[in-house]
PDB file of N, CA and C in Angstrom:
ATOM      1  N   UNK A   1       0.829  -1.173   0.000  1.00  0.00           N
ATOM      2  CA  UNK A   1       0.000   0.000   0.000  1.00  0.00           C
ATOM      3  C   UNK A   1       0.883   1.250   0.000  1.00  0.00           C
ATOM      4  N   UNK A   2       0.558   2.191  -0.874  1.00  0.00           N
ATOM      5  CA  UNK A   2       1.305   3.436  -0.979  1.00  0.00           C
ATOM      6  C   UNK A   2       0.678   4.467  -0.046  1.00  0.00           C
ATOM      7  N   UNK A   3       1.461   4.972   0.916  1.00  0.00           N
ATOM      8  CA  UNK A   3       0.916   5.923   1.893  1.00  0.00           C
ATOM      9  C   UNK A   3       1.229   7.368   1.543  1.00  0.00           C
ATOM     10  N   UNK A   4       1.939   7.609   0.462  1.00  0.00           N
ATOM     11  CA  UNK A   4       2.245   8.995   0.096  1.00  0.00           C
ATOM     12  C   UNK A   4       1.019   9.646  -0.538  1.00  0.00           C
ATOM     13  N   UNK A   5       0.853  10.903  -0.244  1.00  0.00           N
ATOM     14  CA  UNK A   5      -0.299  11.642  -0.742  1.00  0.00           C
ATOM     15  C   UNK A   5      -0.024  12.139  -2.157  1.00  0.00           C
ATOM     16  N   UNK A   6      -1.029  12.082  -2.989  1.00  0.00           N
ATOM     17  CA  UNK A   6      -0.881  12.590  -4.350  1.00  0.00           C
ATOM     18  C   UNK A   6      -1.369  14.032  -4.448  1.00  0.00           C
ATOM     19  N   UNK A   7      -1.832  14.562  -3.339  1.00  0.00           N
ATOM     20  CA  UNK A   7      -2.313  15.943  -3.337  1.00  0.00           C
ATOM     21  C   UNK A   7      -1.154  16.912  -3.116  1.00  0.00           C
ATOM     22  N   UNK A   8      -1.193  17.989  -3.841  1.00  0.00           N
ATOM     23  CA  UNK A   8      -0.207  19.049  -3.635  1.00  0.00           C
ATOM     24  C   UNK A   8      -0.954  20.354  -3.411  1.00  0.00           C
ATOM     25  N   UNK A   9      -0.367  21.192  -2.628  1.00  0.00           N
ATOM     26  CA  UNK A   9      -0.967  22.494  -2.352  1.00  0.00           C
ATOM     27  C   UNK A   9      -0.014  23.568  -2.838  1.00  0.00           C
ATOM     28  N   UNK A  10      -0.544  24.458  -3.620  1.00  0.00           N
ATOM     29  CA  UNK A  10       0.248  25.571  -4.119  1.00  0.00           C
ATOM     30  C   UNK A  10      -0.283  26.844  -3.486  1.00  0.00           C
ATOM     31  N   UNK A  11       0.603  27.569  -2.819  1.00  0.00           N
ATOM     32  CA  UNK A  11       0.212  28.825  -2.203  1.00  0.00           C
ATOM     33  C   UNK A  11       0.654  29.968  -3.095  1.00  0.00           C
ATOM     34  N   UNK A  12      -0.255  30.851  -3.339  1.00  0.00           N
ATOM     35  CA  UNK A  12       0.085  32.054  -4.095  1.00  0.00           C
ATOM     36  C   UNK A  12      -0.280  33.256  -3.249  1.00  0.00           C
ATOM     37  N   UNK A  13       0.567  34.233  -3.284  1.00  0.00           N
ATOM     38  CA  UNK A  13       0.262  35.443  -2.524  1.00  0.00           C
ATOM     39  C   UNK A  13      -0.700  36.294  -3.335  1.00  0.00           C
ATOM     40  N   UNK A  14      -1.653  36.916  -2.653  1.00  0.00           N
ATOM     41  CA  UNK A  14      -2.600  37.757  -3.389  1.00  0.00           C
ATOM     42  C   UNK A  14      -1.890  38.973  -3.966  1.00  0.00           C
ATOM     43  N   UNK A  15      -2.256  39.315  -5.174  1.00  0.00           N
ATOM     44  CA  UNK A  15      -1.655  40.475  -5.819  1.00  0.00           C
ATOM     45  C   UNK A  15      -2.728  41.523  -6.016  1.00  0.00           C
ATOM     46  N   UNK A  16      -2.392  42.736  -5.649  1.00  0.00           N
ATOM     47  CA  UNK A  16      -3.320  43.833  -5.826  1.00  0.00           C
ATOM     48  C   UNK A  16      -3.210  44.376  -7.227  1.00  0.00           C
ATOM     49  N   UNK A  17      -4.327  44.529  -7.862  1.00  0.00           N
ATOM     50  CA  UNK A  17      -4.324  45.155  -9.171  1.00  0.00           C
ATOM     51  C   UNK A  17      -4.581  46.635  -8.975  1.00  0.00           C
ATOM     52  N   UNK A  18      -3.809  47.436  -9.643  1.00  0.00           N
ATOM     53  CA  UNK A  18      -3.962  48.875  -9.487  1.00  0.00           C
ATOM     54  C   UNK A  18      -4.821  49.434 -10.612  1.00  0.00           C
ATOM     55  N   UNK A  19      -6.037  48.959 -10.667  1.00  0.00           N
ATOM     56  CA  UNK A  19      -6.955  49.486 -11.657  1.00  0.00           C
ATOM     57  C   UNK A  19      -7.643  50.702 -11.071  1.00  0.00           C
ATOM     58  N   UNK A  20      -7.835  51.690 -11.870  1.00  0.00           N
ATOM     59  CA  UNK A  20      -8.453  52.915 -11.406  1.00  0.00           C
ATOM     60  C   UNK A  20      -9.963  52.751 -11.365  1.00  0.00           C
ATOM     61  N   UNK A  21     -10.570  53.302 -10.321  1.00  0.00           N
ATOM     62  CA  UNK A  21     -12.023  53.296 -10.217  1.00  0.00           C
ATOM     63  C   UNK A  21     -12.619  54.444 -11.010  1.00  0.00           C
ATOM     64  N   UNK A  22     -11.777  55.335 -11.499  1.00  0.00           N
ATOM     65  CA  UNK A  22     -12.229  56.562 -12.142  1.00  0.00           C
ATOM     66  C   UNK A  22     -12.783  56.302 -13.539  1.00  0.00           C
ATOM     67  N   UNK A  23     -14.003  56.777 -13.733  1.00  0.00           N
ATOM     68  CA  UNK A  23     -14.610  56.716 -15.058  1.00  0.00           C
ATOM     69  C   UNK A  23     -14.994  58.118 -15.513  1.00  0.00           C
ATOM     70  N   UNK A  24     -14.409  59.129 -14.869  1.00  0.00           N
ATOM     71  CA  UNK A  24     -14.710  60.513 -15.200  1.00  0.00           C
ATOM     72  C   UNK A  24     -14.012  60.920 -16.494  1.00  0.00           C
ATOM     73  N   UNK A  25     -14.606  61.879 -17.175  1.00  0.00           N
ATOM     74  CA  UNK A  25     -14.001  62.437 -18.375  1.00  0.00           C
ATOM     75  C   UNK A  25     -13.841  63.927 -18.181  1.00  0.00           C
ATOM     76  N   UNK A  26     -12.685  64.482 -18.238  1.00  0.00           N
ATOM     77  CA  UNK A  26     -11.389  63.820 -18.336  1.00  0.00           C
ATOM     78  C   UNK A  26     -11.101  63.046 -17.052  1.00  0.00           C
ATOM     79  N   UNK A  27     -10.250  62.023 -17.154  1.00  0.00           N
ATOM     80  CA  UNK A  27      -9.968  61.186 -15.980  1.00  0.00           C
ATOM     81  C   UNK A  27      -9.301  61.976 -14.857  1.00  0.00           C
ATOM     82  N   UNK A  28      -9.574  61.548 -13.651  1.00  0.00           N
ATOM     83  CA  UNK A  28      -8.961  62.172 -12.469  1.00  0.00           C
ATOM     84  C   UNK A  28      -7.467  61.860 -12.438  1.00  0.00           C
ATOM     85  N   UNK A  29      -6.704  62.662 -11.705  1.00  0.00           N
ATOM     86  CA  UNK A  29      -5.264  62.405 -11.586  1.00  0.00           C
ATOM     87  C   UNK A  29      -5.002  61.048 -10.935  1.00  0.00           C
ATOM     88  N   UNK A  30      -3.949  60.393 -11.351  1.00  0.00           N
ATOM     89  CA  UNK A  30      -3.603  59.090 -10.782  1.00  0.00           C
ATOM     90  C   UNK A  30      -3.057  59.270  -9.372  1.00  0.00           C
ATOM     91  N   UNK A  31      -2.942  58.171  -8.650  1.00  0.00           N
ATOM     92  CA  UNK A  31      -2.414  58.205  -7.285  1.00  0.00           C
ATOM     93  C   UNK A  31      -0.949  58.620  -7.265  1.00  0.00           C
ATOM     94  N   UNK A  32      -0.258  58.495  -8.390  1.00  0.00           N
ATOM     95  CA  UNK A  32       1.154  58.871  -8.478  1.00  0.00           C
ATOM     96  C   UNK A  32       1.353  60.351  -8.800  1.00  0.00           C
ATOM     97  N   UNK A  33       0.291  61.042  -9.169  1.00  0.00           N
ATOM     98  CA  UNK A  33       0.392  62.455  -9.548  1.00  0.00           C
ATOM     99  C   UNK A  33       0.564  63.345  -8.330  1.00  0.00           C
ATOM    100  N   UNK A  34       1.162  64.494  -8.556  1.00  0.00           N
ATOM    101  CA  UNK A  34       1.305  65.446  -7.456  1.00  0.00           C
ATOM    102  C   UNK A  34      -0.037  66.070  -7.089  1.00  0.00           C
ATOM    103  N   UNK A  35      -0.982  66.098  -8.024  1.00  0.00           N
ATOM    104  CA  UNK A  35      -2.311  66.654  -7.747  1.00  0.00           C
ATOM    105  C   UNK A  35      -3.342  65.556  -7.478  1.00  0.00           C
ATOM    106  N   UNK A  36      -2.905  64.428  -6.904  1.00  0.00           N
ATOM    107  CA  UNK A  36      -3.774  63.273  -6.652  1.00  0.00           C
ATOM    108  C   UNK A  36      -4.986  63.605  -5.794  1.00  0.00           C
ATOM    109  N   UNK A  37      -4.892  64.644  -4.953  1.00  0.00           N
ATOM    110  CA  UNK A  37      -6.003  65.016  -4.074  1.00  0.00           C
ATOM    111  C   UNK A  37      -7.164  65.648  -4.838  1.00  0.00           C
ATOM    112  N   UNK A  38      -6.974  65.962  -6.121  1.00  0.00           N
ATOM    113  CA  UNK A  38      -8.025  66.564  -6.932  1.00  0.00           C
ATOM    114  C   UNK A  38      -9.001  65.528  -7.485  1.00  0.00           C
ATOM    115  N   UNK A  39      -8.767  64.255  -7.244  1.00  0.00           N
ATOM    116  CA  UNK A  39      -9.664  63.200  -7.728  1.00  0.00           C
ATOM    117  C   UNK A  39     -11.008  63.280  -7.001  1.00  0.00           C
ATOM    118  N   UNK A  40     -12.035  62.738  -7.628  1.00  0.00           N
ATOM    119  CA  UNK A  40     -13.387  62.765  -7.063  1.00  0.00           C
ATOM    120  C   UNK A  40     -13.518  61.822  -5.875  1.00  0.00           C
ATOM    121  N   UNK A  41     -14.396  62.181  -4.944  1.00  0.00           N
ATOM    122  CA  UNK A  41     -14.680  61.333  -3.785  1.00  0.00           C
ATOM    123  C   UNK A  41     -15.530  60.136  -4.188  1.00  0.00           C
ATOM    124  N   UNK A  42     -15.183  58.979  -3.670  1.00  0.00           N
ATOM    125  CA  UNK A  42     -15.984  57.772  -3.861  1.00  0.00           C
ATOM    126  C   UNK A  42     -16.735  57.470  -2.569  1.00  0.00           C
ATOM    127  N   UNK A  43     -16.059  57.655  -1.446  1.00  0.00           N
ATOM    128  CA  UNK A  43     -16.665  57.444  -0.129  1.00  0.00           C
ATOM    129  C   UNK A  43     -16.132  58.506   0.817  1.00  0.00           C
ATOM    130  N   UNK A  44     -17.023  58.997   1.682  1.00  0.00           N
ATOM    131  CA  UNK A  44     -16.631  60.047   2.631  1.00  0.00           C
ATOM    132  C   UNK A  44     -17.201  59.687   3.996  1.00  0.00           C
ATOM    133  N   UNK A  45     -16.341  59.534   4.976  1.00  0.00           N
ATOM    134  CA  UNK A  45     -16.764  59.168   6.328  1.00  0.00           C
ATOM    135  C   UNK A  45     -16.156  60.145   7.330  1.00  0.00           C
ATOM    136  N   UNK A  46     -16.742  61.348   7.451  1.00  0.00           N
ATOM    137  CA  UNK A  46     -16.178  62.357   8.353  1.00  0.00           C
ATOM    138  C   UNK A  46     -16.196  61.922   9.814  1.00  0.00           C
ATOM    139  N   UNK A  47     -17.153  61.079  10.184  1.00  0.00           N
ATOM    140  CA  UNK A  47     -17.209  60.607  11.570  1.00  0.00           C
ATOM    141  C   UNK A  47     -16.023  59.712  11.906  1.00  0.00           C
ATOM    142  N   UNK A  48     -15.411  59.114  10.878  1.00  0.00           N
ATOM    143  CA  UNK A  48     -14.228  58.276  11.071  1.00  0.00           C
ATOM    144  C   UNK A  48     -12.952  58.997  10.641  1.00  0.00           C
ATOM    145  N   UNK A  49     -13.099  60.134   9.983  1.00  0.00           N
ATOM    146  CA  UNK A  49     -11.947  60.949   9.635  1.00  0.00           C
ATOM    147  C   UNK A  49     -11.234  60.569   8.354  1.00  0.00           C
ATOM    148  N   UNK A  50     -11.932  59.929   7.397  1.00  0.00           N
ATOM    149  CA  UNK A  50     -11.261  59.565   6.155  1.00  0.00           C
ATOM    150  C   UNK A  50     -12.204  59.663   4.970  1.00  0.00           C
ATOM    151  N   UNK A  51     -11.592  59.738   3.778  1.00  0.00           N
ATOM    152  CA  UNK A  51     -12.313  59.746   2.506  1.00  0.00           C
ATOM    153  C   UNK A  51     -11.533  58.911   1.504  1.00  0.00           C
ATOM    154  N   UNK A  52     -12.249  58.252   0.605  1.00  0.00           N
ATOM    155  CA  UNK A  52     -11.634  57.469  -0.467  1.00  0.00           C
ATOM    156  C   UNK A  52     -11.847  58.193  -1.778  1.00  0.00           C
ATOM    157  N   UNK A  53     -10.767  58.397  -2.517  1.00  0.00           N
ATOM    158  CA  UNK A  53     -10.841  59.039  -3.825  1.00  0.00           C
ATOM    159  C   UNK A  53     -10.918  57.979  -4.919  1.00  0.00           C
ATOM    160  N   UNK A  54     -11.377  58.370  -6.094  1.00  0.00           N
ATOM    161  CA  UNK A  54     -11.554  57.401  -7.177  1.00  0.00           C
ATOM    162  C   UNK A  54     -10.232  56.878  -7.728  1.00  0.00           C
ATOM    163  N   UNK A  55      -9.114  57.481  -7.365  1.00  0.00           N
ATOM    164  CA  UNK A  55      -7.812  56.961  -7.787  1.00  0.00           C
ATOM    165  C   UNK A  55      -7.226  56.002  -6.751  1.00  0.00           C
ATOM    166  N   UNK A  56      -8.019  55.666  -5.714  1.00  0.00           N
ATOM    167  CA  UNK A  56      -7.581  54.693  -4.721  1.00  0.00           C
ATOM    168  C   UNK A  56      -6.865  55.288  -3.524  1.00  0.00           C
ATOM    169  N   UNK A  57      -6.724  56.601  -3.472  1.00  0.00           N
ATOM    170  CA  UNK A  57      -6.039  57.264  -2.363  1.00  0.00           C
ATOM    171  C   UNK A  57      -7.004  57.428  -1.192  1.00  0.00           C
ATOM    172  N   UNK A  58      -6.535  57.082   0.011  1.00  0.00           N
ATOM    173  CA  UNK A  58      -7.285  57.359   1.232  1.00  0.00           C
ATOM    174  C   UNK A  58      -6.775  58.670   1.803  1.00  0.00           C
ATOM    175  N   UNK A  59      -7.672  59.623   1.978  1.00  0.00           N
ATOM    176  CA  UNK A  59      -7.323  60.907   2.586  1.00  0.00           C
ATOM    177  C   UNK A  59      -7.814  60.904   4.022  1.00  0.00           C
ATOM    178  N   UNK A  60      -6.990  61.386   4.930  1.00  0.00           N
ATOM    179  CA  UNK A  60      -7.375  61.474   6.334  1.00  0.00           C
ATOM    180  C   UNK A  60      -7.576  62.929   6.707  1.00  0.00           C
ATOM    181  N   UNK A  61      -8.409  63.179   7.709  1.00  0.00           N
ATOM    182  CA  UNK A  61      -8.740  64.563   8.061  1.00  0.00           C
ATOM    183  C   UNK A  61      -7.542  65.358   8.562  1.00  0.00           C
ATOM    184  N   UNK A  62      -6.483  64.685   8.985  1.00  0.00           N
ATOM    185  CA  UNK A  62      -5.271  65.409   9.395  1.00  0.00           C
ATOM    186  C   UNK A  62      -4.381  65.736   8.201  1.00  0.00           C
ATOM    187  N   UNK A  63      -4.882  65.529   6.986  1.00  0.00           N
ATOM    188  CA  UNK A  63      -4.242  65.743   5.681  1.00  0.00           C
ATOM    189  C   UNK A  63      -3.197  64.686   5.338  1.00  0.00           C
ATOM    190  N   UNK A  64      -3.098  63.632   6.118  1.00  0.00           N
ATOM    191  CA  UNK A  64      -2.251  62.504   5.748  1.00  0.00           C
ATOM    192  C   UNK A  64      -2.933  61.694   4.652  1.00  0.00           C
ATOM    193  N   UNK A  65      -2.167  60.850   3.968  1.00  0.00           N
ATOM    194  CA  UNK A  65      -2.706  60.047   2.872  1.00  0.00           C
ATOM    195  C   UNK A  65      -2.120  58.647   2.907  1.00  0.00           C
ATOM    196  N   UNK A  66      -2.887  57.701   2.390  1.00  0.00           N
ATOM    197  CA  UNK A  66      -2.417  56.340   2.181  1.00  0.00           C
ATOM    198  C   UNK A  66      -2.647  56.025   0.714  1.00  0.00           C
ATOM    199  N   UNK A  67      -1.556  55.779  -0.013  1.00  0.00           N
ATOM    200  CA  UNK A  67      -1.649  55.502  -1.444  1.00  0.00           C
ATOM    201  C   UNK A  67      -2.001  54.041  -1.672  1.00  0.00           C
ATOM    202  N   UNK A  68      -2.534  53.694  -2.845  1.00  0.00           N
ATOM    203  CA  UNK A  68      -2.930  52.312  -3.119  1.00  0.00           C
ATOM    204  C   UNK A  68      -1.798  51.298  -2.996  1.00  0.00           C
ATOM    205  N   UNK A  69      -0.554  51.730  -3.199  1.00  0.00           N
ATOM    206  CA  UNK A  69       0.580  50.806  -3.089  1.00  0.00           C
ATOM    207  C   UNK A  69       1.059  50.641  -1.650  1.00  0.00           C
ATOM    208  N   UNK A  70       0.373  51.295  -0.687  1.00  0.00           N
ATOM    209  CA  UNK A  70       0.731  51.176   0.718  1.00  0.00           C
ATOM    210  C   UNK A  70       1.636  52.283   1.226  1.00  0.00           C
ATOM    211  N   UNK A  71       2.063  53.168   0.350  1.00  0.00           N
ATOM    212  CA  UNK A  71       2.941  54.267   0.756  1.00  0.00           C
ATOM    213  C   UNK A  71       2.158  55.266   1.608  1.00  0.00           C
ATOM    214  N   UNK A  72       2.777  55.703   2.695  1.00  0.00           N
ATOM    215  CA  UNK A  72       2.157  56.666   3.607  1.00  0.00           C
ATOM    216  C   UNK A  72       2.697  58.059   3.312  1.00  0.00           C
ATOM    217  N   UNK A  73       1.803  59.012   3.157  1.00  0.00           N
ATOM    218  CA  UNK A  73       2.172  60.411   2.977  1.00  0.00           C
ATOM    219  C   UNK A  73       1.833  61.120   4.289  1.00  0.00           C
ATOM    220  N   UNK A  74       2.832  61.710   4.914  1.00  0.00           N
ATOM    221  CA  UNK A  74       2.642  62.371   6.206  1.00  0.00           C
ATOM    222  C   UNK A  74       1.706  63.572   6.069  1.00  0.00           C
ATOM    223  N   UNK A  75       1.005  63.924   7.140  1.00  0.00           N
ATOM    224  CA  UNK A  75       0.142  65.111   7.113  1.00  0.00           C
ATOM    225  C   UNK A  75       0.931  66.351   6.692  1.00  0.00           C
ATOM    226  N   UNK A  76       0.261  67.229   5.942  1.00  0.00           N
ATOM    227  CA  UNK A  76       0.951  68.403   5.419  1.00  0.00           C
ATOM    228  C   UNK A  76       0.129  69.675   5.569  1.00  0.00           C
ATOM    229  N   UNK A  77      -0.658  69.743   6.630  1.00  0.00           N
ATOM    230  CA  UNK A  77      -1.425  70.974   6.835  1.00  0.00           C
ATOM    231  C   UNK A  77      -0.501  72.074   7.335  1.00  0.00           C
ATOM    232  N   UNK A  78      -0.877  73.287   7.026  1.00  0.00           N
ATOM    233  CA  UNK A  78      -0.050  74.438   7.402  1.00  0.00           C
ATOM    234  C   UNK A  78      -0.061  74.625   8.913  1.00  0.00           C
ATOM    235  N   UNK A  79       1.084  75.010   9.437  1.00  0.00           N
ATOM    236  CA  UNK A  79       1.174  75.281  10.871  1.00  0.00           C
ATOM    237  C   UNK A  79       0.552  76.636  11.173  1.00  0.00           C
ATOM    238  N   UNK A  80      -0.162  76.687  12.274  1.00  0.00           N
ATOM    239  CA  UNK A  80      -0.755  77.941  12.720  1.00  0.00           C
ATOM    240  C   UNK A  80       0.042  78.419  13.924  1.00  0.00           C
ATOM    241  N   UNK A  81       0.532  79.634  13.833  1.00  0.00           N
ATOM    242  CA  UNK A  81       1.313  80.202  14.928  1.00  0.00           C
ATOM    243  C   UNK A  81       0.442  81.244  15.623  1.00  0.00           C
ATOM    244  N   UNK A  82       0.196  81.023  16.904  1.00  0.00           N
ATOM    245  CA  UNK A  82      -0.645  81.942  17.669  1.00  0.00           C
ATOM    246  C   UNK A  82       0.161  83.165  18.086  1.00  0.00           C
ATOM    247  N   UNK A  83      -0.446  84.319  17.944  1.00  0.00           N
ATOM    248  CA  UNK A  83       0.214  85.562  18.362  1.00  0.00           C
ATOM    249  C   UNK A  83       0.072  85.714  19.869  1.00  0.00           C
ATOM    250  N   UNK A  84       1.119  86.177  20.509  1.00  0.00           N
ATOM    251  CA  UNK A  84       1.089  86.321  21.975  1.00  0.00           C
ATOM    252  C   UNK A  84       0.476  87.621  22.406  1.00  0.00           C
TER     253      UNK A  84
END
């Protein structure tokens, strides 16, 4: 009797496709563009402090961003200096 298994398991890591959700004409700026924040909103959740743009960028209310490739963009709001 042969006790070896004929089953094999192949593991593949999930791959993210970077397809744009944008169907606007003219198309919104890509997530790689410097003007990426000009893309249209797809979802807006002010109670949670974030918005999703049609180019896949997550915008946070502190002006930070999370790009579709996982890159983090630090908040860039202007500093307010109080007068004494």
